[in-house]
């Protein structure tokens, strides 16, 4: 079956957008339990994934999912900082999302095209 790249990228994006909430949950030391344990596991996995990215992809990843709203760069600033244009940004962002979707739990975020 063929992967639906557009829908898979959307799913990975929405999953990764939960990073900040998971990070907060993982840091609730006074309420240990299954949710905290799972949050810690996912945060570590996302951190590990992002640390393995090259400089440009890591810059995009951090700006999208890790840094606070106040620290985010505008796209224009990001293009300049990473010495890329919009086309390369879109390509790198798509690569990040699809690669993450494939790597997370052996492809659990992948969405396949309907054969109909």
PDB file of N, CA and C in Angstrom:
ATOM      1  N   UNK A   1       0.842  -1.193   0.000  1.00  0.00           N
ATOM      2  CA  UNK A   1       0.000   0.000   0.000  1.00  0.00           C
ATOM      3  C   UNK A   1       0.879   1.244   0.000  1.00  0.00           C
ATOM      4  N   UNK A   2       0.385   2.274  -0.677  1.00  0.00           N
ATOM      5  CA  UNK A   2       1.118   3.520  -0.773  1.00  0.00           C
ATOM      6  C   UNK A   2       0.752   4.455   0.375  1.00  0.00           C
ATOM      7  N   UNK A   3       1.774   5.131   0.894  1.00  0.00           N
ATOM      8  CA  UNK A   3       1.562   6.097   1.969  1.00  0.00           C
ATOM      9  C   UNK A   3       0.976   7.377   1.379  1.00  0.00           C
ATOM     10  N   UNK A   4      -0.015   7.921   2.058  1.00  0.00           N
ATOM     11  CA  UNK A   4      -0.575   9.221   1.692  1.00  0.00           C
ATOM     12  C   UNK A   4       0.287  10.265   2.389  1.00  0.00           C
ATOM     13  N   UNK A   5       1.240  10.825   1.640  1.00  0.00           N
ATOM     14  CA  UNK A   5       2.217  11.741   2.233  1.00  0.00           C
ATOM     15  C   UNK A   5       1.577  12.973   2.860  1.00  0.00           C
ATOM     16  N   UNK A   6       0.569  13.533   2.217  1.00  0.00           N
ATOM     17  CA  UNK A   6      -0.077  14.746   2.726  1.00  0.00           C
ATOM     18  C   UNK A   6      -0.762  14.471   4.061  1.00  0.00           C
ATOM     19  N   UNK A   7      -1.572  13.424   4.110  1.00  0.00           N
ATOM     20  CA  UNK A   7      -2.300  13.102   5.336  1.00  0.00           C
ATOM     21  C   UNK A   7      -1.355  12.623   6.443  1.00  0.00           C
ATOM     22  N   UNK A   8      -0.312  11.893   6.075  1.00  0.00           N
ATOM     23  CA  UNK A   8       0.673  11.438   7.056  1.00  0.00           C
ATOM     24  C   UNK A   8       1.402  12.629   7.655  1.00  0.00           C
ATOM     25  N   UNK A   9       1.787  13.587   6.822  1.00  0.00           N
ATOM     26  CA  UNK A   9       2.478  14.788   7.314  1.00  0.00           C
ATOM     27  C   UNK A   9       1.582  15.569   8.272  1.00  0.00           C
ATOM     28  N   UNK A  10       0.300  15.671   7.943  1.00  0.00           N
ATOM     29  CA  UNK A  10      -0.653  16.360   8.839  1.00  0.00           C
ATOM     30  C   UNK A  10      -0.741  15.646  10.189  1.00  0.00           C
ATOM     31  N   UNK A  11      -0.837  14.320  10.149  1.00  0.00           N
ATOM     32  CA  UNK A  11      -0.945  13.552  11.394  1.00  0.00           C
ATOM     33  C   UNK A  11       0.314  13.728  12.248  1.00  0.00           C
ATOM     34  N   UNK A  12       1.478  13.646  11.627  1.00  0.00           N
ATOM     35  CA  UNK A  12       2.741  13.812  12.357  1.00  0.00           C
ATOM     36  C   UNK A  12       2.835  15.223  12.935  1.00  0.00           C
ATOM     37  N   UNK A  13       2.418  16.215  12.154  1.00  0.00           N
ATOM     38  CA  UNK A  13       2.445  17.606  12.608  1.00  0.00           C
ATOM     39  C   UNK A  13       1.585  17.775  13.862  1.00  0.00           C
ATOM     40  N   UNK A  14       0.372  17.272  13.824  1.00  0.00           N
ATOM     41  CA  UNK A  14      -0.524  17.403  14.980  1.00  0.00           C
ATOM     42  C   UNK A  14       0.006  16.637  16.189  1.00  0.00           C
ATOM     43  N   UNK A  15       0.590  15.492  15.954  1.00  0.00           N
ATOM     44  CA  UNK A  15       1.183  14.724  17.051  1.00  0.00           C
ATOM     45  C   UNK A  15       2.335  15.506  17.680  1.00  0.00           C
ATOM     46  N   UNK A  16       3.215  16.033  16.850  1.00  0.00           N
ATOM     47  CA  UNK A  16       4.381  16.761  17.361  1.00  0.00           C
ATOM     48  C   UNK A  16       3.993  18.075  18.031  1.00  0.00           C
ATOM     49  N   UNK A  17       2.879  18.658  17.643  1.00  0.00           N
ATOM     50  CA  UNK A  17       2.402  19.885  18.281  1.00  0.00           C
ATOM     51  C   UNK A  17       2.064  19.638  19.754  1.00  0.00           C
ATOM     52  N   UNK A  18       1.864  18.394  20.145  1.00  0.00           N
ATOM     53  CA  UNK A  18       1.553  18.081  21.539  1.00  0.00           C
ATOM     54  C   UNK A  18       2.815  18.018  22.407  1.00  0.00           C
ATOM     55  N   UNK A  19       3.995  18.239  21.808  1.00  0.00           N
ATOM     56  CA  UNK A  19       5.261  18.130  22.536  1.00  0.00           C
ATOM     57  C   UNK A  19       5.272  18.985  23.801  1.00  0.00           C
ATOM     58  N   UNK A  20       4.879  20.235  23.709  1.00  0.00           N
ATOM     59  CA  UNK A  20       4.944  21.131  24.870  1.00  0.00           C
ATOM     60  C   UNK A  20       4.035  20.642  26.007  1.00  0.00           C
ATOM     61  N   UNK A  21       2.859  20.160  25.662  1.00  0.00           N
ATOM     62  CA  UNK A  21       1.947  19.620  26.686  1.00  0.00           C
ATOM     63  C   UNK A  21       2.525  18.356  27.306  1.00  0.00           C
ATOM     64  N   UNK A  22       3.106  17.507  26.473  1.00  0.00           N
ATOM     65  CA  UNK A  22       3.729  16.280  26.979  1.00  0.00           C
ATOM     66  C   UNK A  22       4.904  16.605  27.887  1.00  0.00           C
ATOM     67  N   UNK A  23       5.664  17.625  27.515  1.00  0.00           N
ATOM     68  CA  UNK A  23       6.822  18.038  28.314  1.00  0.00           C
ATOM     69  C   UNK A  23       6.355  18.498  29.700  1.00  0.00           C
ATOM     70  N   UNK A  24       5.277  19.275  29.742  1.00  0.00           N
ATOM     71  CA  UNK A  24       4.722  19.721  31.030  1.00  0.00           C
ATOM     72  C   UNK A  24       4.269  18.521  31.851  1.00  0.00           C
ATOM     73  N   UNK A  25       3.564  17.602  31.226  1.00  0.00           N
ATOM     74  CA  UNK A  25       3.077  16.406  31.909  1.00  0.00           C
ATOM     75  C   UNK A  25       4.246  15.565  32.422  1.00  0.00           C
ATOM     76  N   UNK A  26       5.285  15.466  31.631  1.00  0.00           N
ATOM     77  CA  UNK A  26       6.458  14.678  32.017  1.00  0.00           C
ATOM     78  C   UNK A  26       7.182  15.290  33.206  1.00  0.00           C
ATOM     79  N   UNK A  27       7.003  16.577  33.418  1.00  0.00           N
ATOM     80  CA  UNK A  27       7.685  17.264  34.519  1.00  0.00           C
ATOM     81  C   UNK A  27       6.841  17.395  35.776  1.00  0.00           C
ATOM     82  N   UNK A  28       5.689  16.755  35.810  1.00  0.00           N
ATOM     83  CA  UNK A  28       4.854  16.772  37.012  1.00  0.00           C
ATOM     84  C   UNK A  28       5.349  15.689  37.975  1.00  0.00           C
ATOM     85  N   UNK A  29       6.406  15.985  38.651  1.00  0.00           N
ATOM     86  CA  UNK A  29       7.065  15.002  39.519  1.00  0.00           C
ATOM     87  C   UNK A  29       6.212  14.552  40.704  1.00  0.00           C
ATOM     88  N   UNK A  30       5.276  15.395  41.118  1.00  0.00           N
ATOM     89  CA  UNK A  30       4.482  15.049  42.298  1.00  0.00           C
ATOM     90  C   UNK A  30       3.289  14.147  41.985  1.00  0.00           C
ATOM     91  N   UNK A  31       3.087  13.845  40.728  1.00  0.00           N
ATOM     92  CA  UNK A  31       1.969  12.976  40.364  1.00  0.00           C
ATOM     93  C   UNK A  31       2.433  11.845  39.455  1.00  0.00           C
ATOM     94  N   UNK A  32       3.298  10.976  39.974  1.00  0.00           N
ATOM     95  CA  UNK A  32       3.774   9.883  39.125  1.00  0.00           C
ATOM     96  C   UNK A  32       2.636   8.936  38.768  1.00  0.00           C
ATOM     97  N   UNK A  33       2.688   8.424  37.575  1.00  0.00           N
ATOM     98  CA  UNK A  33       1.665   7.488  37.131  1.00  0.00           C
ATOM     99  C   UNK A  33       1.879   7.127  35.684  1.00  0.00           C
ATOM    100  N   UNK A  34       0.921   6.426  35.129  1.00  0.00           N
ATOM    101  CA  UNK A  34       1.040   5.931  33.760  1.00  0.00           C
ATOM    102  C   UNK A  34       1.142   7.068  32.745  1.00  0.00           C
ATOM    103  N   UNK A  35       0.350   8.146  32.943  1.00  0.00           N
ATOM    104  CA  UNK A  35       0.397   9.260  31.993  1.00  0.00           C
ATOM    105  C   UNK A  35       1.758   9.936  32.009  1.00  0.00           C
ATOM    106  N   UNK A  36       2.274  10.167  33.196  1.00  0.00           N
ATOM    107  CA  UNK A  36       3.590  10.806  33.315  1.00  0.00           C
ATOM    108  C   UNK A  36       4.665   9.921  32.687  1.00  0.00           C
ATOM    109  N   UNK A  37       4.608   8.640  32.963  1.00  0.00           N
ATOM    110  CA  UNK A  37       5.592   7.700  32.419  1.00  0.00           C
ATOM    111  C   UNK A  37       5.548   7.700  30.895  1.00  0.00           C
ATOM    112  N   UNK A  38       4.349   7.671  30.336  1.00  0.00           N
ATOM    113  CA  UNK A  38       4.200   7.673  28.874  1.00  0.00           C
ATOM    114  C   UNK A  38       4.681   9.000  28.296  1.00  0.00           C
ATOM    115  N   UNK A  39       4.358  10.105  28.965  1.00  0.00           N
ATOM    116  CA  UNK A  39       4.790  11.420  28.498  1.00  0.00           C
ATOM    117  C   UNK A  39       6.317  11.504  28.487  1.00  0.00           C
ATOM    118  N   UNK A  40       6.952  11.006  29.529  1.00  0.00           N
ATOM    119  CA  UNK A  40       8.420  11.009  29.599  1.00  0.00           C
ATOM    120  C   UNK A  40       8.996  10.202  28.441  1.00  0.00           C
ATOM    121  N   UNK A  41       8.415   9.047  28.184  1.00  0.00           N
ATOM    122  CA  UNK A  41       8.878   8.181  27.090  1.00  0.00           C
ATOM    123  C   UNK A  41       8.770   8.885  25.738  1.00  0.00           C
ATOM    124  N   UNK A  42       7.637   9.528  25.479  1.00  0.00           N
ATOM    125  CA  UNK A  42       7.425  10.199  24.196  1.00  0.00           C
ATOM    126  C   UNK A  42       8.336  11.420  24.061  1.00  0.00           C
ATOM    127  N   UNK A  43       8.471  12.206  25.134  1.00  0.00           N
ATOM    128  CA  UNK A  43       9.344  13.385  25.098  1.00  0.00           C
ATOM    129  C   UNK A  43      10.785  12.970  24.812  1.00  0.00           C
ATOM    130  N   UNK A  44      11.247  11.919  25.465  1.00  0.00           N
ATOM    131  CA  UNK A  44      12.616  11.437  25.220  1.00  0.00           C
ATOM    132  C   UNK A  44      12.789  10.989  23.775  1.00  0.00           C
ATOM    133  N   UNK A  45      11.792  10.318  23.241  1.00  0.00           N
ATOM    134  CA  UNK A  45      11.861   9.849  21.866  1.00  0.00           C
ATOM    135  C   UNK A  45      11.891  11.029  20.884  1.00  0.00           C
ATOM    136  N   UNK A  46      11.070  12.048  21.128  1.00  0.00           N
ATOM    137  CA  UNK A  46      11.056  13.233  20.259  1.00  0.00           C
ATOM    138  C   UNK A  46      12.379  13.980  20.369  1.00  0.00           C
ATOM    139  N   UNK A  47      12.893  14.133  21.592  1.00  0.00           N
ATOM    140  CA  UNK A  47      14.188  14.801  21.788  1.00  0.00           C
ATOM    141  C   UNK A  47      15.301  14.046  21.069  1.00  0.00           C
ATOM    142  N   UNK A  48      15.274  12.728  21.170  1.00  0.00           N
ATOM    143  CA  UNK A  48      16.277  11.901  20.508  1.00  0.00           C
ATOM    144  C   UNK A  48      16.186  12.058  18.994  1.00  0.00           C
ATOM    145  N   UNK A  49      14.968  12.043  18.475  1.00  0.00           N
ATOM    146  CA  UNK A  49      14.770  12.211  17.041  1.00  0.00           C
ATOM    147  C   UNK A  49      15.317  13.563  16.580  1.00  0.00           C
ATOM    148  N   UNK A  50      14.955  14.634  17.291  1.00  0.00           N
ATOM    149  CA  UNK A  50      15.357  15.976  16.861  1.00  0.00           C
ATOM    150  C   UNK A  50      16.863  16.177  16.949  1.00  0.00           C
ATOM    151  N   UNK A  51      17.501  15.544  17.916  1.00  0.00           N
ATOM    152  CA  UNK A  51      18.954  15.712  18.055  1.00  0.00           C
ATOM    153  C   UNK A  51      19.714  15.033  16.916  1.00  0.00           C
ATOM    154  N   UNK A  52      19.067  14.107  16.226  1.00  0.00           N
ATOM    155  CA  UNK A  52      19.699  13.427  15.106  1.00  0.00           C
ATOM    156  C   UNK A  52      19.530  14.135  13.764  1.00  0.00           C
ATOM    157  N   UNK A  53      18.801  15.240  13.761  1.00  0.00           N
ATOM    158  CA  UNK A  53      18.576  15.976  12.515  1.00  0.00           C
ATOM    159  C   UNK A  53      19.771  16.862  12.173  1.00  0.00           C
ATOM    160  N   UNK A  54      19.941  17.141  10.885  1.00  0.00           N
ATOM    161  CA  UNK A  54      21.004  18.069  10.506  1.00  0.00           C
ATOM    162  C   UNK A  54      20.597  19.488  10.923  1.00  0.00           C
ATOM    163  N   UNK A  55      21.513  20.432  10.782  1.00  0.00           N
ATOM    164  CA  UNK A  55      21.312  21.786  11.304  1.00  0.00           C
ATOM    165  C   UNK A  55      20.055  22.470  10.756  1.00  0.00           C
ATOM    166  N   UNK A  56      19.840  22.383   9.466  1.00  0.00           N
ATOM    167  CA  UNK A  56      18.677  23.061   8.876  1.00  0.00           C
ATOM    168  C   UNK A  56      17.371  22.412   9.330  1.00  0.00           C
ATOM    169  N   UNK A  57      17.332  21.093   9.294  1.00  0.00           N
ATOM    170  CA  UNK A  57      16.111  20.401   9.723  1.00  0.00           C
ATOM    171  C   UNK A  57      15.853  20.624  11.214  1.00  0.00           C
ATOM    172  N   UNK A  58      16.921  20.616  12.021  1.00  0.00           N
ATOM    173  CA  UNK A  58      16.754  20.850  13.456  1.00  0.00           C
ATOM    174  C   UNK A  58      16.222  22.260  13.709  1.00  0.00           C
ATOM    175  N   UNK A  59      16.717  23.230  12.954  1.00  0.00           N
ATOM    176  CA  UNK A  59      16.227  24.605  13.099  1.00  0.00           C
ATOM    177  C   UNK A  59      14.743  24.705  12.801  1.00  0.00           C
ATOM    178  N   UNK A  60      14.313  24.052  11.751  1.00  0.00           N
ATOM    179  CA  UNK A  60      12.895  24.042  11.379  1.00  0.00           C
ATOM    180  C   UNK A  60      12.082  23.311  12.449  1.00  0.00           C
ATOM    181  N   UNK A  61      12.563  22.146  12.863  1.00  0.00           N
ATOM    182  CA  UNK A  61      11.871  21.331  13.865  1.00  0.00           C
ATOM    183  C   UNK A  61      11.697  22.108  15.170  1.00  0.00           C
ATOM    184  N   UNK A  62      12.785  22.699  15.659  1.00  0.00           N
ATOM    185  CA  UNK A  62      12.718  23.457  16.911  1.00  0.00           C
ATOM    186  C   UNK A  62      11.750  24.625  16.793  1.00  0.00           C
ATOM    187  N   UNK A  63      11.800  25.330  15.674  1.00  0.00           N
ATOM    188  CA  UNK A  63      10.923  26.480  15.505  1.00  0.00           C
ATOM    189  C   UNK A  63       9.454  26.063  15.457  1.00  0.00           C
ATOM    190  N   UNK A  64       9.179  24.916  14.861  1.00  0.00           N
ATOM    191  CA  UNK A  64       7.797  24.442  14.759  1.00  0.00           C
ATOM    192  C   UNK A  64       7.257  23.866  16.072  1.00  0.00           C
ATOM    193  N   UNK A  65       8.089  23.096  16.776  1.00  0.00           N
ATOM    194  CA  UNK A  65       7.547  22.273  17.866  1.00  0.00           C
ATOM    195  C   UNK A  65       8.152  22.494  19.257  1.00  0.00           C
ATOM    196  N   UNK A  66       9.360  23.003  19.353  1.00  0.00           N
ATOM    197  CA  UNK A  66      10.045  23.013  20.635  1.00  0.00           C
ATOM    198  C   UNK A  66      10.022  24.378  21.338  1.00  0.00           C
ATOM    199  N   UNK A  67      10.415  25.427  20.633  1.00  0.00           N
ATOM    200  CA  UNK A  67      10.563  26.732  21.289  1.00  0.00           C
ATOM    201  C   UNK A  67       9.207  27.350  21.611  1.00  0.00           C
ATOM    202  N   UNK A  68       9.219  28.211  22.620  1.00  0.00           N
ATOM    203  CA  UNK A  68       7.979  28.882  23.018  1.00  0.00           C
ATOM    204  C   UNK A  68       7.564  29.879  21.942  1.00  0.00           C
ATOM    205  N   UNK A  69       6.315  30.267  21.991  1.00  0.00           N
ATOM    206  CA  UNK A  69       5.769  31.198  21.003  1.00  0.00           C
ATOM    207  C   UNK A  69       6.586  32.485  20.955  1.00  0.00           C
ATOM    208  N   UNK A  70       7.036  32.952  22.100  1.00  0.00           N
ATOM    209  CA  UNK A  70       7.807  34.200  22.177  1.00  0.00           C
ATOM    210  C   UNK A  70       9.173  34.068  21.509  1.00  0.00           C
ATOM    211  N   UNK A  71       9.719  32.865  21.471  1.00  0.00           N
ATOM    212  CA  UNK A  71      11.048  32.646  20.912  1.00  0.00           C
ATOM    213  C   UNK A  71      11.026  32.238  19.444  1.00  0.00           C
ATOM    214  N   UNK A  72       9.838  31.991  18.914  1.00  0.00           N
ATOM    215  CA  UNK A  72       9.736  31.540  17.525  1.00  0.00           C
ATOM    216  C   UNK A  72      10.212  32.626  16.565  1.00  0.00           C
ATOM    217  N   UNK A  73      10.869  32.169  15.513  1.00  0.00           N
ATOM    218  CA  UNK A  73      11.266  33.066  14.432  1.00  0.00           C
ATOM    219  C   UNK A  73      10.138  33.119  13.411  1.00  0.00           C
ATOM    220  N   UNK A  74      10.006  34.264  12.758  1.00  0.00           N
ATOM    221  CA  UNK A  74       9.080  34.326  11.636  1.00  0.00           C
ATOM    222  C   UNK A  74       9.692  33.482  10.517  1.00  0.00           C
ATOM    223  N   UNK A  75       8.881  33.107   9.550  1.00  0.00           N
ATOM    224  CA  UNK A  75       9.417  32.316   8.441  1.00  0.00           C
ATOM    225  C   UNK A  75      10.521  33.087   7.714  1.00  0.00           C
ATOM    226  N   UNK A  76      10.336  34.383   7.547  1.00  0.00           N
ATOM    227  CA  UNK A  76      11.347  35.208   6.872  1.00  0.00           C
ATOM    228  C   UNK A  76      12.675  35.162   7.644  1.00  0.00           C
ATOM    229  N   UNK A  77      12.603  35.268   8.967  1.00  0.00           N
ATOM    230  CA  UNK A  77      13.817  35.190   9.797  1.00  0.00           C
ATOM    231  C   UNK A  77      14.451  33.807   9.680  1.00  0.00           C
ATOM    232  N   UNK A  78      13.618  32.783   9.703  1.00  0.00           N
ATOM    233  CA  UNK A  78      14.114  31.407   9.621  1.00  0.00           C
ATOM    234  C   UNK A  78      14.793  31.152   8.278  1.00  0.00           C
ATOM    235  N   UNK A  79      14.182  31.627   7.202  1.00  0.00           N
ATOM    236  CA  UNK A  79      14.803  31.478   5.879  1.00  0.00           C
ATOM    237  C   UNK A  79      16.193  32.092   5.882  1.00  0.00           C
ATOM    238  N   UNK A  80      16.302  33.274   6.458  1.00  0.00           N
ATOM    239  CA  UNK A  80      17.586  33.975   6.490  1.00  0.00           C
ATOM    240  C   UNK A  80      18.591  33.251   7.381  1.00  0.00           C
ATOM    241  N   UNK A  81      18.167  32.850   8.560  1.00  0.00           N
ATOM    242  CA  UNK A  81      19.057  32.152   9.501  1.00  0.00           C
ATOM    243  C   UNK A  81      19.598  30.847   8.922  1.00  0.00           C
ATOM    244  N   UNK A  82      18.737  30.119   8.229  1.00  0.00           N
ATOM    245  CA  UNK A  82      19.122  28.810   7.695  1.00  0.00           C
ATOM    246  C   UNK A  82      19.602  28.880   6.237  1.00  0.00           C
ATOM    247  N   UNK A  83      19.564  30.077   5.668  1.00  0.00           N
ATOM    248  CA  UNK A  83      19.981  30.292   4.283  1.00  0.00           C
ATOM    249  C   UNK A  83      19.217  29.366   3.320  1.00  0.00           C
ATOM    250  N   UNK A  84      17.879  29.438   3.429  1.00  0.00           N
ATOM    251  CA  UNK A  84      17.000  28.640   2.568  1.00  0.00           C
ATOM    252  C   UNK A  84      15.890  29.540   2.038  1.00  0.00           C
ATOM    253  N   UNK A  85      15.162  29.041   1.052  1.00  0.00           N
ATOM    254  CA  UNK A  85      13.996  29.766   0.556  1.00  0.00           C
ATOM    255  C   UNK A  85      12.737  28.977   0.922  1.00  0.00           C
ATOM    256  N   UNK A  86      11.579  29.508   0.552  1.00  0.00           N
ATOM    257  CA  UNK A  86      10.311  28.876   0.923  1.00  0.00           C
ATOM    258  C   UNK A  86      10.204  27.455   0.362  1.00  0.00           C
ATOM    259  N   UNK A  87      10.640  27.255  -0.866  1.00  0.00           N
ATOM    260  CA  UNK A  87      10.562  25.936  -1.492  1.00  0.00           C
ATOM    261  C   UNK A  87      11.386  24.912  -0.704  1.00  0.00           C
ATOM    262  N   UNK A  88      12.608  25.291  -0.335  1.00  0.00           N
ATOM    263  CA  UNK A  88      13.447  24.365   0.428  1.00  0.00           C
ATOM    264  C   UNK A  88      12.875  24.138   1.825  1.00  0.00           C
ATOM    265  N   UNK A  89      12.337  25.208   2.433  1.00  0.00           N
ATOM    266  CA  UNK A  89      11.700  25.077   3.742  1.00  0.00           C
ATOM    267  C   UNK A  89      10.567  24.054   3.679  1.00  0.00           C
ATOM    268  N   UNK A  90       9.693  24.201   2.694  1.00  0.00           N
ATOM    269  CA  UNK A  90       8.559  23.284   2.560  1.00  0.00           C
ATOM    270  C   UNK A  90       9.023  21.848   2.339  1.00  0.00           C
ATOM    271  N   UNK A  91      10.057  21.682   1.519  1.00  0.00           N
ATOM    272  CA  UNK A  91      10.598  20.339   1.254  1.00  0.00           C
ATOM    273  C   UNK A  91      11.188  19.728   2.525  1.00  0.00           C
ATOM    274  N   UNK A  92      11.977  20.510   3.253  1.00  0.00           N
ATOM    275  CA  UNK A  92      12.609  20.004   4.483  1.00  0.00           C
ATOM    276  C   UNK A  92      11.565  19.696   5.551  1.00  0.00           C
ATOM    277  N   UNK A  93      10.578  20.557   5.680  1.00  0.00           N
ATOM    278  CA  UNK A  93       9.506  20.336   6.660  1.00  0.00           C
ATOM    279  C   UNK A  93       8.769  19.037   6.343  1.00  0.00           C
ATOM    280  N   UNK A  94       8.458  18.839   5.073  1.00  0.00           N
ATOM    281  CA  UNK A  94       7.777  17.617   4.656  1.00  0.00           C
ATOM    282  C   UNK A  94       8.635  16.384   4.943  1.00  0.00           C
ATOM    283  N   UNK A  95       9.926  16.462   4.647  1.00  0.00           N
ATOM    284  CA  UNK A  95      10.838  15.350   4.926  1.00  0.00           C
ATOM    285  C   UNK A  95      10.869  15.024   6.417  1.00  0.00           C
ATOM    286  N   UNK A  96      10.926  16.064   7.238  1.00  0.00           N
ATOM    287  CA  UNK A  96      10.951  15.874   8.699  1.00  0.00           C
ATOM    288  C   UNK A  96       9.693  15.133   9.146  1.00  0.00           C
ATOM    289  N   UNK A  97       8.543  15.627   8.725  1.00  0.00           N
ATOM    290  CA  UNK A  97       7.264  15.056   9.168  1.00  0.00           C
ATOM    291  C   UNK A  97       7.101  13.617   8.700  1.00  0.00           C
ATOM    292  N   UNK A  98       7.432  13.356   7.446  1.00  0.00           N
ATOM    293  CA  UNK A  98       7.286  11.989   6.923  1.00  0.00           C
ATOM    294  C   UNK A  98       8.288  11.039   7.572  1.00  0.00           C
ATOM    295  N   UNK A  99       9.506  11.501   7.776  1.00  0.00           N
ATOM    296  CA  UNK A  99      10.521  10.674   8.423  1.00  0.00           C
ATOM    297  C   UNK A  99      10.123  10.359   9.866  1.00  0.00           C
ATOM    298  N   UNK A 100       9.614  11.374  10.570  1.00  0.00           N
ATOM    299  CA  UNK A 100       9.172  11.142  11.944  1.00  0.00           C
ATOM    300  C   UNK A 100       8.019  10.140  11.969  1.00  0.00           C
ATOM    301  N   UNK A 101       7.067  10.308  11.069  1.00  0.00           N
ATOM    302  CA  UNK A 101       5.909   9.400  11.020  1.00  0.00           C
ATOM    303  C   UNK A 101       6.355   7.961  10.788  1.00  0.00           C
ATOM    304  N   UNK A 102       7.361   7.774   9.932  1.00  0.00           N
ATOM    305  CA  UNK A 102       7.866   6.419   9.665  1.00  0.00           C
ATOM    306  C   UNK A 102       8.591   5.848  10.877  1.00  0.00           C
ATOM    307  N   UNK A 103       9.309   6.710  11.597  1.00  0.00           N
ATOM    308  CA  UNK A 103      10.138   6.223  12.698  1.00  0.00           C
ATOM    309  C   UNK A 103       9.358   6.022  14.001  1.00  0.00           C
ATOM    310  N   UNK A 104       8.267   6.751  14.185  1.00  0.00           N
ATOM    311  CA  UNK A 104       7.521   6.647  15.442  1.00  0.00           C
ATOM    312  C   UNK A 104       6.765   5.324  15.515  1.00  0.00           C
ATOM    313  N   UNK A 105       7.113   4.537  16.489  1.00  0.00           N
ATOM    314  CA  UNK A 105       6.463   3.242  16.725  1.00  0.00           C
ATOM    315  C   UNK A 105       6.264   2.427  15.445  1.00  0.00           C
ATOM    316  N   UNK A 106       7.327   2.307  14.721  1.00  0.00           N
ATOM    317  CA  UNK A 106       7.336   1.493  13.497  1.00  0.00           C
ATOM    318  C   UNK A 106       6.253   1.898  12.507  1.00  0.00           C
ATOM    319  N   UNK A 107       6.042   3.205  12.379  1.00  0.00           N
ATOM    320  CA  UNK A 107       5.097   3.698  11.376  1.00  0.00           C
ATOM    321  C   UNK A 107       3.679   3.884  11.861  1.00  0.00           C
ATOM    322  N   UNK A 108       3.484   3.995  13.158  1.00  0.00           N
ATOM    323  CA  UNK A 108       2.124   4.118  13.701  1.00  0.00           C
ATOM    324  C   UNK A 108       1.386   5.366  13.201  1.00  0.00           C
ATOM    325  N   UNK A 109       2.121   6.387  12.773  1.00  0.00           N
ATOM    326  CA  UNK A 109       1.473   7.614  12.305  1.00  0.00           C
ATOM    327  C   UNK A 109       1.199   7.624  10.800  1.00  0.00           C
ATOM    328  N   UNK A 110       1.618   6.589  10.107  1.00  0.00           N
ATOM    329  CA  UNK A 110       1.448   6.550   8.660  1.00  0.00           C
ATOM    330  C   UNK A 110      -0.030   6.373   8.275  1.00  0.00           C
ATOM    331  N   UNK A 111      -0.437   7.083   7.237  1.00  0.00           N
ATOM    332  CA  UNK A 111      -1.776   6.937   6.677  1.00  0.00           C
ATOM    333  C   UNK A 111      -1.601   6.453   5.249  1.00  0.00           C
ATOM    334  N   UNK A 112      -2.354   5.433   4.889  1.00  0.00           N
ATOM    335  CA  UNK A 112      -2.220   4.844   3.559  1.00  0.00           C
ATOM    336  C   UNK A 112      -3.350   5.297   2.648  1.00  0.00           C
ATOM    337  N   UNK A 113      -3.025   5.367   1.358  1.00  0.00           N
ATOM    338  CA  UNK A 113      -4.018   5.762   0.359  1.00  0.00           C
ATOM    339  C   UNK A 113      -5.042   4.659   0.188  1.00  0.00           C
ATOM    340  N   UNK A 114      -6.272   5.078  -0.060  1.00  0.00           N
ATOM    341  CA  UNK A 114      -7.344   4.130  -0.375  1.00  0.00           C
ATOM    342  C   UNK A 114      -7.131   3.613  -1.778  1.00  0.00           C
ATOM    343  N   UNK A 115      -7.329   2.348  -1.987  1.00  0.00           N
ATOM    344  CA  UNK A 115      -7.143   1.753  -3.317  1.00  0.00           C
ATOM    345  C   UNK A 115      -8.394   1.885  -4.185  1.00  0.00           C
ATOM    346  N   UNK A 116      -9.447   2.490  -3.663  1.00  0.00           N
ATOM    347  CA  UNK A 116     -10.711   2.594  -4.412  1.00  0.00           C
ATOM    348  C   UNK A 116     -10.633   3.594  -5.514  1.00  0.00           C
TER     349      UNK A 116
END
